[in-house]
Full PDB file with SEQRES, HELIX, SHEET, SSBOND, CRYST1, ORIGX, SCALE, CONECT and MASTER records, all heavy atoms in Angstrom:
SEQRES   1 A   37  ARG LEU LEU ARG CYS LEU GLU ASP ALA ALA LEU GLN ALA          
SEQRES   2 A   37  ARG ALA LEU GLY ALA ALA LEU ASP THR VAL LEU ALA ALA          
SEQRES   3 A   37  LEU GLY ALA ALA ALA PRO GLY PRO ARG PRO PRO                  
HELIX    1 AA1 LEU A    2  LEU A   27  1                                  26    
CRYST1    1.000    1.000    1.000  90.00  90.00  90.00 P 1           1          
ORIGX1      1.000000  0.000000  0.000000        0.00000                         
ORIGX2      0.000000  1.000000  0.000000        0.00000                         
ORIGX3      0.000000  0.000000  1.000000        0.00000                         
SCALE1      1.000000  0.000000  0.000000        0.00000                         
SCALE2      0.000000  1.000000  0.000000        0.00000                         
SCALE3      0.000000  0.000000  1.000000        0.00000                         
ATOM      1  N   ARG A   1      85.289  75.225 106.556  1.00  0.00           N  
ATOM      2  CA  ARG A   1      86.486  74.916 107.350  1.00  0.00           C  
ATOM      3  C   ARG A   1      87.691  74.729 106.436  1.00  0.00           C  
ATOM      4  O   ARG A   1      88.785  75.242 106.723  1.00  0.00           O  
ATOM      5  CB  ARG A   1      86.249  73.660 108.185  1.00  0.00           C  
ATOM      6  CG  ARG A   1      87.467  73.227 108.998  1.00  0.00           C  
ATOM      7  CD  ARG A   1      87.163  71.954 109.777  1.00  0.00           C  
ATOM      8  NE  ARG A   1      88.364  71.403 110.375  1.00  0.00           N  
ATOM      9  CZ  ARG A   1      88.836  71.764 111.557  1.00  0.00           C  
ATOM     10  NH1 ARG A   1      88.201  72.682 112.270  1.00  0.00           N  
ATOM     11  NH2 ARG A   1      89.935  71.219 112.044  1.00  0.00           N  
ATOM     12  N   LEU A   2      87.505  74.006 105.322  1.00  0.00           N  
ATOM     13  CA  LEU A   2      88.598  73.804 104.372  1.00  0.00           C  
ATOM     14  C   LEU A   2      89.045  75.134 103.786  1.00  0.00           C  
ATOM     15  O   LEU A   2      90.253  75.410 103.695  1.00  0.00           O  
ATOM     16  CB  LEU A   2      88.158  72.860 103.249  1.00  0.00           C  
ATOM     17  CG  LEU A   2      89.124  72.724 102.063  1.00  0.00           C  
ATOM     18  CD1 LEU A   2      90.475  72.186 102.524  1.00  0.00           C  
ATOM     19  CD2 LEU A   2      88.519  71.837 100.982  1.00  0.00           C  
ATOM     20  N   LEU A   3      88.101  75.964 103.394  1.00  0.00           N  
ATOM     21  CA  LEU A   3      88.450  77.255 102.797  1.00  0.00           C  
ATOM     22  C   LEU A   3      89.188  78.137 103.801  1.00  0.00           C  
ATOM     23  O   LEU A   3      90.145  78.837 103.430  1.00  0.00           O  
ATOM     24  CB  LEU A   3      87.184  77.957 102.299  1.00  0.00           C  
ATOM     25  CG  LEU A   3      86.371  77.192 101.240  1.00  0.00           C  
ATOM     26  CD1 LEU A   3      85.141  78.000 100.847  1.00  0.00           C  
ATOM     27  CD2 LEU A   3      87.223  76.889 100.019  1.00  0.00           C  
ATOM     28  N   ARG A   4      88.765  78.081 105.051  1.00  0.00           N  
ATOM     29  CA  ARG A   4      89.441  78.867 106.085  1.00  0.00           C  
ATOM     30  C   ARG A   4      90.855  78.333 106.334  1.00  0.00           C  
ATOM     31  O   ARG A   4      91.802  79.107 106.533  1.00  0.00           O  
ATOM     32  CB  ARG A   4      88.633  78.841 107.377  1.00  0.00           C  
ATOM     33  CG  ARG A   4      89.204  79.748 108.466  1.00  0.00           C  
ATOM     34  CD  ARG A   4      88.247  79.879 109.639  1.00  0.00           C  
ATOM     35  NE  ARG A   4      87.983  78.598 110.294  1.00  0.00           N  
ATOM     36  CZ  ARG A   4      86.836  77.930 110.184  1.00  0.00           C  
ATOM     37  NH1 ARG A   4      85.839  78.416 109.460  1.00  0.00           N  
ATOM     38  NH2 ARG A   4      86.662  76.783 110.799  1.00  0.00           N  
ATOM     39  N   CYS A   5      91.001  77.005 106.303  1.00  0.00           N  
ATOM     40  CA  CYS A   5      92.323  76.407 106.497  1.00  0.00           C  
ATOM     41  C   CYS A   5      93.282  76.817 105.380  1.00  0.00           C  
ATOM     42  O   CYS A   5      94.461  77.101 105.625  1.00  0.00           O  
ATOM     43  CB  CYS A   5      92.212  74.881 106.542  1.00  0.00           C  
ATOM     44  SG  CYS A   5      91.542  74.220 108.087  1.00  0.00           S  
ATOM     45  N   LEU A   6      92.789  76.842 104.152  1.00  0.00           N  
ATOM     46  CA  LEU A   6      93.632  77.240 103.019  1.00  0.00           C  
ATOM     47  C   LEU A   6      94.012  78.713 103.120  1.00  0.00           C  
ATOM     48  O   LEU A   6      95.155  79.091 102.835  1.00  0.00           O  
ATOM     49  CB  LEU A   6      92.903  76.957 101.707  1.00  0.00           C  
ATOM     50  CG  LEU A   6      92.793  75.484 101.317  1.00  0.00           C  
ATOM     51  CD1 LEU A   6      91.745  75.288 100.224  1.00  0.00           C  
ATOM     52  CD2 LEU A   6      94.144  74.937 100.853  1.00  0.00           C  
ATOM     53  N   GLU A   7      93.057  79.529 103.536  1.00  0.00           N  
ATOM     54  CA  GLU A   7      93.351  80.956 103.704  1.00  0.00           C  
ATOM     55  C   GLU A   7      94.383  81.160 104.810  1.00  0.00           C  
ATOM     56  O   GLU A   7      95.338  81.937 104.662  1.00  0.00           O  
ATOM     57  CB  GLU A   7      92.070  81.717 104.030  1.00  0.00           C  
ATOM     58  CG  GLU A   7      92.274  83.218 104.171  1.00  0.00           C  
ATOM     59  CD  GLU A   7      90.970  83.962 104.413  1.00  0.00           C  
ATOM     60  OE1 GLU A   7      89.944  83.306 104.690  1.00  0.00           O  
ATOM     61  OE2 GLU A   7      90.972  85.207 104.328  1.00  0.00           O  
ATOM     62  N   ASP A   8      94.204  80.445 105.920  1.00  0.00           N  
ATOM     63  CA  ASP A   8      95.154  80.550 107.025  1.00  0.00           C  
ATOM     64  C   ASP A   8      96.539  80.080 106.607  1.00  0.00           C  
ATOM     65  O   ASP A   8      97.556  80.678 106.988  1.00  0.00           O  
ATOM     66  CB  ASP A   8      94.674  79.725 108.222  1.00  0.00           C  
ATOM     67  CG  ASP A   8      93.465  80.329 108.912  1.00  0.00           C  
ATOM     68  OD1 ASP A   8      93.160  81.513 108.651  1.00  0.00           O  
ATOM     69  OD2 ASP A   8      92.818  79.614 109.713  1.00  0.00           O  
ATOM     70  N   ALA A   9      96.599  78.990 105.828  1.00  0.00           N  
ATOM     71  CA  ALA A   9      97.893  78.454 105.397  1.00  0.00           C  
ATOM     72  C   ALA A   9      98.656  79.473 104.563  1.00  0.00           C  
ATOM     73  O   ALA A   9      99.880  79.617 104.696  1.00  0.00           O  
ATOM     74  CB  ALA A   9      97.685  77.162 104.607  1.00  0.00           C  
ATOM     75  N   ALA A  10      97.950  80.186 103.694  1.00  0.00           N  
ATOM     76  CA  ALA A  10      98.606  81.211 102.874  1.00  0.00           C  
ATOM     77  C   ALA A  10      99.174  82.322 103.759  1.00  0.00           C  
ATOM     78  O   ALA A  10     100.317  82.763 103.561  1.00  0.00           O  
ATOM     79  CB  ALA A  10      97.613  81.785 101.860  1.00  0.00           C  
ATOM     80  N   LEU A  11      98.391  82.756 104.741  1.00  0.00           N  
ATOM     81  CA  LEU A  11      98.862  83.803 105.654  1.00  0.00           C  
ATOM     82  C   LEU A  11     100.044  83.321 106.482  1.00  0.00           C  
ATOM     83  O   LEU A  11     101.011  84.059 106.715  1.00  0.00           O  
ATOM     84  CB  LEU A  11      97.720  84.239 106.570  1.00  0.00           C  
ATOM     85  CG  LEU A  11      96.531  84.946 105.901  1.00  0.00           C  
ATOM     86  CD1 LEU A  11      95.397  85.144 106.901  1.00  0.00           C  
ATOM     87  CD2 LEU A  11      96.968  86.283 105.313  1.00  0.00           C  
ATOM     88  N   GLN A  12      99.991  82.075 106.914  1.00  0.00           N  
ATOM     89  CA  GLN A  12     101.054  81.537 107.765  1.00  0.00           C  
ATOM     90  C   GLN A  12     102.342  81.313 106.981  1.00  0.00           C  
ATOM     91  O   GLN A  12     103.437  81.542 107.501  1.00  0.00           O  
ATOM     92  CB  GLN A  12     100.563  80.244 108.419  1.00  0.00           C  
ATOM     93  CG  GLN A  12      99.484  80.494 109.456  1.00  0.00           C  
ATOM     94  CD  GLN A  12      98.657  79.267 109.774  1.00  0.00           C  
ATOM     95  OE1 GLN A  12      98.757  78.247 109.099  1.00  0.00           O  
ATOM     96  NE2 GLN A  12      97.822  79.365 110.806  1.00  0.00           N  
ATOM     97  N   ALA A  13     102.211  80.870 105.737  1.00  0.00           N  
ATOM     98  CA  ALA A  13     103.412  80.717 104.910  1.00  0.00           C  
ATOM     99  C   ALA A  13     104.074  82.069 104.687  1.00  0.00           C  
ATOM    100  O   ALA A  13     105.310  82.189 104.719  1.00  0.00           O  
ATOM    101  CB  ALA A  13     103.037  80.077 103.565  1.00  0.00           C  
ATOM    102  N   ARG A  14     103.256  83.091 104.487  1.00  0.00           N  
ATOM    103  CA  ARG A  14     103.802  84.441 104.303  1.00  0.00           C  
ATOM    104  C   ARG A  14     104.497  84.926 105.579  1.00  0.00           C  
ATOM    105  O   ARG A  14     105.588  85.516 105.525  1.00  0.00           O  
ATOM    106  CB  ARG A  14     102.671  85.388 103.903  1.00  0.00           C  
ATOM    107  CG  ARG A  14     103.128  86.765 103.438  1.00  0.00           C  
ATOM    108  CD  ARG A  14     101.963  87.581 102.896  1.00  0.00           C  
ATOM    109  NE  ARG A  14     101.518  87.085 101.597  1.00  0.00           N  
ATOM    110  CZ  ARG A  14     100.330  86.528 101.372  1.00  0.00           C  
ATOM    111  NH1 ARG A  14      99.459  86.378 102.371  1.00  0.00           N  
ATOM    112  NH2 ARG A  14      99.992  86.124 100.166  1.00  0.00           N  
ATOM    113  N   ALA A  15     103.894  84.639 106.729  1.00  0.00           N  
ATOM    114  CA  ALA A  15     104.480  85.066 108.004  1.00  0.00           C  
ATOM    115  C   ALA A  15     105.792  84.331 108.284  1.00  0.00           C  
ATOM    116  O   ALA A  15     106.778  84.935 108.715  1.00  0.00           O  
ATOM    117  CB  ALA A  15     103.485  84.825 109.143  1.00  0.00           C  
ATOM    118  N   LEU A  16     105.816  83.027 108.017  1.00  0.00           N  
ATOM    119  CA  LEU A  16     107.042  82.265 108.242  1.00  0.00           C  
ATOM    120  C   LEU A  16     108.131  82.714 107.285  1.00  0.00           C  
ATOM    121  O   LEU A  16     109.305  82.840 107.675  1.00  0.00           O  
ATOM    122  CB  LEU A  16     106.769  80.766 108.071  1.00  0.00           C  
ATOM    123  CG  LEU A  16     107.968  79.833 108.268  1.00  0.00           C  
ATOM    124  CD1 LEU A  16     108.577  80.004 109.654  1.00  0.00           C  
ATOM    125  CD2 LEU A  16     107.558  78.372 108.035  1.00  0.00           C  
ATOM    126  N   GLY A  17     107.756  82.994 106.040  1.00  0.00           N  
ATOM    127  CA  GLY A  17     108.740  83.476 105.075  1.00  0.00           C  
ATOM    128  C   GLY A  17     109.344  84.810 105.491  1.00  0.00           C  
ATOM    129  O   GLY A  17     110.558  85.017 105.370  1.00  0.00           O  
ATOM    130  N   ALA A  18     108.505  85.706 106.010  1.00  0.00           N  
ATOM    131  CA  ALA A  18     109.002  87.012 106.451  1.00  0.00           C  
ATOM    132  C   ALA A  18     109.942  86.851 107.643  1.00  0.00           C  
ATOM    133  O   ALA A  18     110.983  87.519 107.725  1.00  0.00           O  
ATOM    134  CB  ALA A  18     107.828  87.919 106.817  1.00  0.00           C  
ATOM    135  N   ALA A  19     109.581  85.967 108.576  1.00  0.00           N  
ATOM    136  CA  ALA A  19     110.438  85.726 109.736  1.00  0.00           C  
ATOM    137  C   ALA A  19     111.766  85.114 109.309  1.00  0.00           C  
ATOM    138  O   ALA A  19     112.826  85.477 109.835  1.00  0.00           O  
ATOM    139  CB  ALA A  19     109.718  84.812 110.731  1.00  0.00           C  
ATOM    140  N   LEU A  20     111.717  84.203 108.348  1.00  0.00           N  
ATOM    141  CA  LEU A  20     112.950  83.575 107.862  1.00  0.00           C  
ATOM    142  C   LEU A  20     113.826  84.592 107.144  1.00  0.00           C  
ATOM    143  O   LEU A  20     115.063  84.574 107.285  1.00  0.00           O  
ATOM    144  CB  LEU A  20     112.605  82.411 106.938  1.00  0.00           C  
ATOM    145  CG  LEU A  20     113.780  81.594 106.394  1.00  0.00           C  
ATOM    146  CD1 LEU A  20     114.672  81.083 107.514  1.00  0.00           C  
ATOM    147  CD2 LEU A  20     113.263  80.431 105.549  1.00  0.00           C  
ATOM    148  N   ASP A  21     113.226  85.493 106.387  1.00  0.00           N  
ATOM    149  CA  ASP A  21     113.997  86.555 105.731  1.00  0.00           C  
ATOM    150  C   ASP A  21     114.716  87.418 106.767  1.00  0.00           C  
ATOM    151  O   ASP A  21     115.859  87.843 106.547  1.00  0.00           O  
ATOM    152  CB  ASP A  21     113.075  87.433 104.882  1.00  0.00           C  
ATOM    153  CG  ASP A  21     112.726  86.793 103.537  1.00  0.00           C  
ATOM    154  OD1 ASP A  21     113.481  85.910 103.090  1.00  0.00           O  
ATOM    155  OD2 ASP A  21     111.702  87.188 102.944  1.00  0.00           O  
ATOM    156  N   THR A  22     114.045  87.683 107.893  1.00  0.00           N  
ATOM    157  CA  THR A  22     114.669  88.470 108.958  1.00  0.00           C  
ATOM    158  C   THR A  22     115.875  87.740 109.532  1.00  0.00           C  
ATOM    159  O   THR A  22     116.930  88.344 109.785  1.00  0.00           O  
ATOM    160  CB  THR A  22     113.647  88.754 110.077  1.00  0.00           C  
ATOM    161  OG1 THR A  22     112.552  89.504 109.533  1.00  0.00           O  
ATOM    162  CG2 THR A  22     114.281  89.552 111.207  1.00  0.00           C  
ATOM    163  N   VAL A  23     115.744  86.437 109.734  1.00  0.00           N  
ATOM    164  CA  VAL A  23     116.863  85.635 110.241  1.00  0.00           C  
ATOM    165  C   VAL A  23     118.013  85.648 109.248  1.00  0.00           C  
ATOM    166  O   VAL A  23     119.182  85.837 109.617  1.00  0.00           O  
ATOM    167  CB  VAL A  23     116.404  84.196 110.530  1.00  0.00           C  
ATOM    168  CG1 VAL A  23     117.607  83.288 110.809  1.00  0.00           C  
ATOM    169  CG2 VAL A  23     115.434  84.154 111.708  1.00  0.00           C  
ATOM    170  N   LEU A  24     117.713  85.453 107.968  1.00  0.00           N  
ATOM    171  CA  LEU A  24     118.762  85.446 106.944  1.00  0.00           C  
ATOM    172  C   LEU A  24     119.499  86.780 106.907  1.00  0.00           C  
ATOM    173  O   LEU A  24     120.730  86.817 106.780  1.00  0.00           O  
ATOM    174  CB  LEU A  24     118.150  85.131 105.582  1.00  0.00           C  
ATOM    175  CG  LEU A  24     117.833  83.660 105.308  1.00  0.00           C  
ATOM    176  CD1 LEU A  24     116.946  83.521 104.068  1.00  0.00           C  
ATOM    177  CD2 LEU A  24     119.113  82.853 105.119  1.00  0.00           C  
ATOM    178  N   ALA A  25     118.742  87.865 106.994  1.00  0.00           N  
ATOM    179  CA  ALA A  25     119.373  89.190 106.968  1.00  0.00           C  
ATOM    180  C   ALA A  25     120.277  89.376 108.186  1.00  0.00           C  
ATOM    181  O   ALA A  25     121.389  89.905 108.078  1.00  0.00           O  
ATOM    182  CB  ALA A  25     118.304  90.280 106.923  1.00  0.00           C  
ATOM    183  N   ALA A  26     119.821  88.918 109.356  1.00  0.00           N  
ATOM    184  CA  ALA A  26     120.618  89.058 110.568  1.00  0.00           C  
ATOM    185  C   ALA A  26     121.893  88.221 110.507  1.00  0.00           C  
ATOM    186  O   ALA A  26     122.923  88.594 111.074  1.00  0.00           O  
ATOM    187  CB  ALA A  26     119.785  88.666 111.784  1.00  0.00           C  
ATOM    188  N   LEU A  27     121.814  87.090 109.798  1.00  0.00           N  
ATOM    189  CA  LEU A  27     122.984  86.228 109.639  1.00  0.00           C  
ATOM    190  C   LEU A  27     123.924  86.730 108.552  1.00  0.00           C  
ATOM    191  O   LEU A  27     125.009  86.183 108.367  1.00  0.00           O  
ATOM    192  CB  LEU A  27     122.545  84.800 109.297  1.00  0.00           C  
ATOM    193  CG  LEU A  27     121.852  83.995 110.395  1.00  0.00           C  
ATOM    194  CD1 LEU A  27     121.300  82.697 109.825  1.00  0.00           C  
ATOM    195  CD2 LEU A  27     122.801  83.716 111.539  1.00  0.00           C  
ATOM    196  N   GLY A  28     123.489  87.743 107.803  1.00  0.00           N  
ATOM    197  CA  GLY A  28     124.281  88.201 106.670  1.00  0.00           C  
ATOM    198  C   GLY A  28     124.248  87.221 105.530  1.00  0.00           C  
ATOM    199  O   GLY A  28     125.161  87.171 104.694  1.00  0.00           O  
ATOM    200  N   ALA A  29     123.169  86.407 105.449  1.00  0.00           N  
ATOM    201  CA  ALA A  29     123.075  85.350 104.446  1.00  0.00           C  
ATOM    202  C   ALA A  29     121.929  85.570 103.471  1.00  0.00           C  
ATOM    203  O   ALA A  29     121.572  84.662 102.723  1.00  0.00           O  
ATOM    204  CB  ALA A  29     122.907  83.992 105.134  1.00  0.00           C  
ATOM    205  N   ALA A  30     121.330  86.763 103.470  1.00  0.00           N  
ATOM    206  CA  ALA A  30     120.227  87.040 102.556  1.00  0.00           C  
ATOM    207  C   ALA A  30     120.718  86.995 101.115  1.00  0.00           C  
ATOM    208  O   ALA A  30     121.869  87.322 100.820  1.00  0.00           O  
ATOM    209  CB  ALA A  30     119.608  88.397 102.868  1.00  0.00           C  
ATOM    210  N   ALA A  31     119.841  86.579 100.216  1.00  0.00           N  
ATOM    211  CA  ALA A  31     120.194  86.549  98.803  1.00  0.00           C  
ATOM    212  C   ALA A  31     120.481  87.970  98.323  1.00  0.00           C  
ATOM    213  O   ALA A  31     119.790  88.912  98.715  1.00  0.00           O  
ATOM    214  CB  ALA A  31     119.054  85.938  97.987  1.00  0.00           C  
ATOM    215  N   PRO A  32     121.501  88.154  97.476  1.00  0.00           N  
ATOM    216  CA  PRO A  32     121.804  89.499  96.983  1.00  0.00           C  
ATOM    217  C   PRO A  32     120.692  90.018  96.080  1.00  0.00           C  
ATOM    218  O   PRO A  32     120.220  89.310  95.197  1.00  0.00           O  
ATOM    219  CB  PRO A  32     123.106  89.292  96.190  1.00  0.00           C  
ATOM    220  CG  PRO A  32     123.099  87.841  95.824  1.00  0.00           C  
ATOM    221  CD  PRO A  32     122.410  87.135  96.950  1.00  0.00           C  
ATOM    222  N   GLY A  33     120.268  91.247  96.319  1.00  0.00           N  
ATOM    223  CA  GLY A  33     119.220  91.853  95.503  1.00  0.00           C  
ATOM    224  C   GLY A  33     117.855  91.303  95.858  1.00  0.00           C  
ATOM    225  O   GLY A  33     117.719  90.309  96.558  1.00  0.00           O  
ATOM    226  N   PRO A  34     116.785  91.954  95.364  1.00  0.00           N  
ATOM    227  CA  PRO A  34     115.428  91.493  95.666  1.00  0.00           C  
ATOM    228  C   PRO A  34     115.144  90.161  94.988  1.00  0.00           C  
ATOM    229  O   PRO A  34     115.601  89.886  93.881  1.00  0.00           O  
ATOM    230  CB  PRO A  34     114.539  92.611  95.101  1.00  0.00           C  
ATOM    231  CG  PRO A  34     115.373  93.247  94.024  1.00  0.00           C  
ATOM    232  CD  PRO A  34     116.800  93.153  94.505  1.00  0.00           C  
ATOM    233  N   ARG A  35     114.376  89.308  95.678  1.00  0.00           N  
ATOM    234  CA  ARG A  35     113.987  88.026  95.111  1.00  0.00           C  
ATOM    235  C   ARG A  35     112.911  88.265  94.062  1.00  0.00           C  
ATOM    236  O   ARG A  35     111.970  89.017  94.302  1.00  0.00           O  
ATOM    237  CB  ARG A  35     113.459  87.119  96.226  1.00  0.00           C  
ATOM    238  CG  ARG A  35     113.264  85.665  95.824  1.00  0.00           C  
ATOM    239  CD  ARG A  35     112.726  84.857  97.007  1.00  0.00           C  
ATOM    240  NE  ARG A  35     113.648  84.854  98.124  1.00  0.00           N  
ATOM    241  CZ  ARG A  35     113.316  85.223  99.357  1.00  0.00           C  
ATOM    242  NH1 ARG A  35     112.107  85.656  99.623  1.00  0.00           N  
ATOM    243  NH2 ARG A  35     114.203  85.181 100.325  1.00  0.00           N  
ATOM    244  N   PRO A  36     113.009  87.668  92.865  1.00  0.00           N  
ATOM    245  CA  PRO A  36     111.984  87.889  91.852  1.00  0.00           C  
ATOM    246  C   PRO A  36     110.636  87.388  92.331  1.00  0.00           C  
ATOM    247  O   PRO A  36     110.563  86.328  92.968  1.00  0.00           O  
ATOM    248  CB  PRO A  36     112.487  87.066  90.653  1.00  0.00           C  
ATOM    249  CG  PRO A  36     113.434  86.070  91.233  1.00  0.00           C  
ATOM    250  CD  PRO A  36     114.065  86.746  92.404  1.00  0.00           C  
ATOM    251  N   PRO A  37     109.558  88.128  92.062  1.00  0.00           N  
ATOM    252  CA  PRO A  37     108.246  87.697  92.529  1.00  0.00           C  
ATOM    253  C   PRO A  37     107.803  86.441  91.791  1.00  0.00           C  
ATOM    254  O   PRO A  37     108.219  86.189  90.654  1.00  0.00           O  
ATOM    255  CB  PRO A  37     107.340  88.889  92.171  1.00  0.00           C  
ATOM    256  CG  PRO A  37     108.036  89.554  91.027  1.00  0.00           C  
ATOM    257  CD  PRO A  37     109.501  89.376  91.282  1.00  0.00           C  
TER     258      PRO A  37                                                      
MASTER        0    0    0    1    0    0    0    6  257    1    0    3          
END                                                                             
């Protein structure tokens, strides 16, 4: 259960980050250039 929760958290953080990037782009507030990995 713990391992599944950690795996889910990683996927969910990635999904929330992608959604937030979409909002930033729509607002014209995205960081200039690609974000360093």
